[in-house]
Amino acid sequence: MLKASPDSYGLIAKLFHWVLALVILWQLFTGINLNQMEPSVEKGQFIWFHQITGTFLFCGIALRLLWKFYNRPVFEDSLPKRHRVVSKILQSLLYLICLWLPLQGSMMTWAGGFDVYLVGMIKIPALIAENKALYPSFVSIHLASSVLLLTLSLIHKCAGLYHGYVIKDRYNVWRRMALRVHRD
């Protein structure tokens, strides 16, 4: 099923979730490594790819949110109220930081005196002026935001594993987002 059902988010939401999760992890680890690299041609190439991927993620997450509002799953949720509340808070924080990071990364890039291209193709007009003095602060904020996203992602993953393997998915949380191949 492409759309949500009473026991699944639907294939489209699942593909958004898992593809974006993999790309986000790639971005986090390459970005953190970029912070440790000395200036070089290779670093410049990695930054360019990181920027392209970041703008792709921003678009993908925006599309994921649009799909989420269009295809809102309706579960008869037996999940305890505190689990639902914590889950909503965590999901909201994940979406906010996932949208914040590319925006903040773009501001960092403009402050450094460079252009930002949407998915490497369309130049985005600078929303802030070049400011080399503030650039190191933007880099620090970007790194701290990345560490926050990594922390939130690990909490999210641990919660999924807890539901899937510790409490044996008795609330059907794991199965709702799992990609399964059906063999006849």
Protein backbone atom coordinates (compact mmCIF):
# COMPACT_ATOMS: atom_id res chain seq x y z
CA MET A 1 0.00 0.00 0.00
CA LEU A 2 1.29 3.42 -0.94
CA LYS A 3 -0.81 5.33 1.58
CA ALA A 4 -1.29 4.86 5.29
CA SER A 5 -3.54 2.13 6.60
CA PRO A 6 -4.70 1.33 10.14
CA ASP A 7 -1.48 -0.62 10.78
CA SER A 8 1.12 1.03 8.51
CA TYR A 9 2.43 4.44 7.50
CA GLY A 10 2.34 3.33 3.86
CA LEU A 11 5.15 2.70 1.40
CA ILE A 12 5.71 6.34 0.41
CA ALA A 13 6.11 7.51 4.03
CA LYS A 14 8.37 4.54 4.76
CA LEU A 15 10.59 5.30 1.76
CA PHE A 16 10.79 8.96 2.80
CA HIS A 17 11.69 7.89 6.35
CA TRP A 18 14.42 5.38 5.49
CA VAL A 19 16.02 7.22 2.56
CA LEU A 20 16.11 10.50 4.48
CA ALA A 21 17.45 8.70 7.57
CA LEU A 22 20.36 7.25 5.59
CA VAL A 23 21.17 10.56 3.92
CA ILE A 24 20.94 12.41 7.25
CA LEU A 25 23.38 9.97 8.86
CA TRP A 26 25.73 10.41 5.89
CA GLN A 27 25.49 14.20 6.27
CA LEU A 28 26.10 14.07 10.00
CA PHE A 29 29.23 11.97 9.77
CA THR A 30 30.70 13.75 6.76
CA GLY A 31 29.90 17.14 8.32
CA ILE A 32 31.52 16.27 11.61
CA ASN A 33 34.57 15.00 9.71
CA LEU A 34 34.65 18.20 7.63
CA ASN A 35 35.00 20.15 10.85
CA GLN A 36 38.24 18.24 11.58
CA MET A 37 39.78 18.61 8.08
CA GLU A 38 42.44 21.16 7.25
CA PRO A 39 41.69 23.51 4.33
CA SER A 40 42.39 21.74 1.03
CA VAL A 41 40.96 21.11 -2.43
CA GLU A 42 39.48 17.84 -1.15
CA LYS A 43 37.78 19.65 1.73
CA GLY A 44 36.29 22.14 -0.72
CA GLN A 45 34.91 19.28 -2.80
CA PHE A 46 33.45 17.61 0.29
CA ILE A 47 31.87 20.91 1.34
CA TRP A 48 30.32 21.30 -2.12
CA PHE A 49 28.85 17.78 -1.95
CA HIS A 50 27.74 18.38 1.65
CA GLN A 51 25.94 21.56 0.54
CA ILE A 52 24.21 19.81 -2.37
CA THR A 53 23.12 16.99 -0.09
CA GLY A 54 21.96 19.44 2.59
CA THR A 55 19.73 21.33 0.17
CA PHE A 56 18.41 17.97 -1.13
CA LEU A 57 17.60 16.99 2.46
CA PHE A 58 15.80 20.27 3.09
CA CYS A 59 13.62 19.65 0.03
CA GLY A 60 13.10 15.98 0.94
CA ILE A 61 12.08 16.80 4.49
CA ALA A 62 9.72 19.54 3.28
CA LEU A 63 8.14 17.02 0.88
CA ARG A 64 7.97 14.45 3.69
CA LEU A 65 6.09 16.94 5.87
CA LEU A 66 3.68 17.75 3.03
CA TRP A 67 3.08 14.02 2.52
CA LYS A 68 2.59 13.59 6.26
CA PHE A 69 -0.17 16.22 6.29
CA TYR A 70 -1.77 14.80 3.14
CA ASN A 71 -1.46 11.18 4.26
CA ARG A 72 -2.01 11.42 8.00
CA PRO A 73 -2.05 7.91 9.44
CA VAL A 74 -4.90 7.09 11.78
CA PHE A 75 -3.91 4.45 14.27
CA GLU A 76 -6.03 3.12 17.04
CA ASP A 77 -3.19 3.81 19.36
CA SER A 78 -2.90 1.64 22.40
CA LEU A 79 0.43 3.29 23.11
CA PRO A 80 0.52 4.76 26.63
CA LYS A 81 -0.09 8.51 26.74
CA ARG A 82 3.40 9.39 27.95
CA HIS A 83 4.90 7.38 25.04
CA ARG A 84 2.70 9.28 22.58
CA VAL A 85 3.65 12.65 24.10
CA VAL A 86 7.38 11.90 24.18
CA SER A 87 7.20 10.52 20.64
CA LYS A 88 5.48 13.67 19.33
CA ILE A 89 8.00 15.92 21.06
CA LEU A 90 10.94 13.92 19.70
CA GLN A 91 9.51 13.81 16.16
CA SER A 92 8.82 17.56 16.25
CA LEU A 93 12.36 18.29 17.44
CA LEU A 94 13.79 16.03 14.73
CA TYR A 95 11.82 17.83 12.01
CA LEU A 96 12.75 21.25 13.38
CA ILE A 97 16.47 20.51 13.58
CA CYS A 98 16.42 18.81 10.16
CA LEU A 99 14.96 21.98 8.64
CA TRP A 100 17.15 24.29 10.76
CA LEU A 101 20.49 22.70 9.83
CA PRO A 102 20.31 23.38 6.05
CA LEU A 103 19.02 26.91 6.67
CA GLN A 104 21.75 27.60 9.21
CA GLY A 105 24.33 25.95 6.92
CA SER A 106 23.24 28.28 4.12
CA MET A 107 23.63 31.30 6.42
CA MET A 108 27.08 30.02 7.40
CA THR A 109 28.01 29.66 3.72
CA TRP A 110 26.82 33.17 2.86
CA ALA A 111 28.64 34.62 5.90
CA GLY A 112 31.79 32.93 4.60
CA GLY A 113 31.38 34.73 1.29
CA PHE A 114 30.23 31.77 -0.78
CA ASP A 115 27.14 31.02 -2.83
CA VAL A 116 24.50 28.42 -2.02
CA TYR A 117 22.98 26.32 -4.78
CA LEU A 118 19.77 24.36 -4.39
CA VAL A 119 20.75 20.75 -5.12
CA GLY A 120 23.85 22.13 -6.85
CA MET A 121 21.88 23.71 -9.69
CA ILE A 122 19.91 26.82 -8.73
CA LYS A 123 21.72 29.70 -7.06
CA ILE A 124 19.81 30.91 -4.02
CA PRO A 125 20.04 34.66 -3.42
CA ALA A 126 22.02 35.39 -0.26
CA LEU A 127 19.78 36.22 2.67
CA ILE A 128 22.66 37.59 4.75
CA ALA A 129 25.75 39.57 3.80
CA GLU A 130 29.27 38.21 3.89
CA ASN A 131 30.68 38.50 7.39
CA LYS A 132 34.01 36.76 7.89
CA ALA A 133 34.09 37.80 11.55
CA LEU A 134 30.87 35.89 12.31
CA TYR A 135 31.74 32.89 10.13
CA PRO A 136 33.49 30.93 12.95
CA SER A 137 30.40 31.40 15.15
CA PHE A 138 28.21 30.01 12.36
CA VAL A 139 30.54 27.01 12.06
CA SER A 140 30.31 26.37 15.82
CA ILE A 141 26.51 26.64 15.78
CA HIS A 142 26.33 24.29 12.78
CA LEU A 143 28.49 21.71 14.53
CA ALA A 144 26.54 21.96 17.79
CA SER A 145 23.25 21.63 15.89
CA SER A 146 24.64 18.56 14.12
CA VAL A 147 25.58 16.95 17.42
CA LEU A 148 22.06 17.69 18.70
CA LEU A 149 20.57 16.04 15.60
CA LEU A 150 22.83 13.02 16.06
CA THR A 151 21.75 12.75 19.71
CA LEU A 152 18.05 13.04 18.84
CA SER A 153 18.49 10.48 16.04
CA LEU A 154 20.11 8.02 18.43
CA ILE A 155 17.27 8.46 20.92
CA HIS A 156 14.77 7.89 18.09
CA LYS A 157 16.62 4.76 16.94
CA CYS A 158 16.87 3.42 20.49
CA ALA A 159 13.13 3.98 20.99
CA GLY A 160 12.43 2.03 17.79
CA LEU A 161 14.71 -0.81 18.86
CA TYR A 162 13.09 -0.79 22.31
CA HIS A 163 9.66 -1.18 20.74
CA GLY A 164 10.84 -3.76 18.22
CA TYR A 165 12.97 -5.99 20.39
CA VAL A 166 12.55 -5.26 24.10
CA ILE A 167 8.79 -5.04 24.39
CA LYS A 168 8.35 -7.16 21.23
CA ASP A 169 6.36 -4.51 19.37
CA ARG A 170 3.22 -5.05 21.39
CA TYR A 171 2.05 -1.56 20.37
CA ASN A 172 2.80 -2.18 16.65
CA VAL A 173 5.23 0.76 16.50
CA TRP A 174 8.09 -1.10 14.80
CA ARG A 175 5.91 -2.79 12.16
CA ARG A 176 4.25 0.48 11.15
CA MET A 177 7.52 1.88 9.77
CA ALA A 178 9.37 -1.33 8.87
CA LEU A 179 10.10 -2.02 5.21
CA ARG A 180 9.08 -5.58 4.50
CA VAL A 181 9.46 -7.68 1.41
CA HIS A 182 6.49 -9.98 0.90
CA ARG A 183 7.25 -13.32 -0.73
CA ASP A 184 4.43 -15.38 -2.12
